[in-house]
Amino acid sequence: MKGRRTLLALAEVAAWWVPLAALWLVLISTVDALELAVGAGASALTAFVARGARRAVSGR
């Protein structure tokens, strides 16, 4: 059961990360390795925060 919850949590974070990373790529002017790394990190951090906020609101 714990493995399933972990998988669902990772899927939720990935569901947040993909559109956030895509938005980052749309908004930057030049795409280089550093911009990709910063965008991936910022999107991951924001995805975890969004998941935490959703859990805080829903109580799950």
Protein backbone atom coordinates (compact mmCIF):
# COMPACT_ATOMS: atom_id res chain seq x y z
CA MET A 1 0.00 0.00 0.00
CA LYS A 2 2.84 2.38 0.80
CA GLY A 3 4.39 1.77 -2.61
CA ARG A 4 1.17 2.74 -4.32
CA ARG A 5 0.95 6.02 -2.35
CA THR A 6 4.53 6.81 -3.27
CA LEU A 7 3.81 6.13 -6.93
CA LEU A 8 0.71 8.34 -6.84
CA ALA A 9 2.68 11.13 -5.14
CA LEU A 10 5.38 10.95 -7.81
CA ALA A 11 2.75 10.98 -10.54
CA GLU A 12 1.16 14.08 -9.02
CA VAL A 13 4.50 15.88 -8.79
CA ALA A 14 5.24 14.92 -12.39
CA ALA A 15 1.80 16.18 -13.44
CA TRP A 16 2.69 19.56 -11.91
CA TRP A 17 6.30 19.56 -13.13
CA VAL A 18 5.60 19.00 -16.84
CA PRO A 19 3.40 22.08 -17.44
CA LEU A 20 5.55 24.23 -15.16
CA ALA A 21 8.72 23.27 -17.04
CA ALA A 22 6.98 23.86 -20.37
CA LEU A 23 5.87 27.30 -19.20
CA TRP A 24 9.44 28.09 -18.17
CA LEU A 25 10.70 27.10 -21.63
CA VAL A 26 8.08 29.26 -23.31
CA LEU A 27 8.95 32.30 -21.20
CA ILE A 28 12.75 32.27 -21.48
CA SER A 29 14.47 33.93 -24.39
CA THR A 30 17.48 31.63 -24.86
CA VAL A 31 17.63 27.91 -24.24
CA ASP A 32 20.99 26.71 -22.96
CA ALA A 33 22.07 24.09 -20.44
CA LEU A 34 22.07 26.44 -17.45
CA GLU A 35 18.58 27.75 -18.24
CA LEU A 36 17.30 24.18 -18.58
CA ALA A 37 18.83 23.19 -15.24
CA VAL A 38 17.43 26.23 -13.44
CA GLY A 39 14.02 25.72 -15.04
CA ALA A 40 13.93 22.05 -14.11
CA GLY A 41 14.92 22.81 -10.52
CA ALA A 42 12.47 25.69 -10.12
CA SER A 43 9.68 23.63 -11.65
CA ALA A 44 10.43 20.69 -9.35
CA LEU A 45 10.43 22.90 -6.27
CA THR A 46 7.16 24.51 -7.32
CA ALA A 47 5.61 21.11 -8.08
CA PHE A 48 6.39 19.90 -4.55
CA VAL A 49 4.99 23.11 -3.07
CA ALA A 50 1.82 22.77 -5.16
CA ARG A 51 1.37 19.19 -3.98
CA GLY A 52 1.84 20.24 -0.38
CA ALA A 53 -0.66 23.08 -0.76
CA ARG A 54 -3.22 20.75 -2.32
CA ARG A 55 -2.77 18.27 0.52
CA ALA A 56 -3.11 21.04 3.10
CA VAL A 57 -6.38 22.19 1.58
CA SER A 58 -7.91 18.76 0.98
CA GLY A 59 -6.69 17.22 4.23
CA ARG A 60 -5.29 14.09 2.57
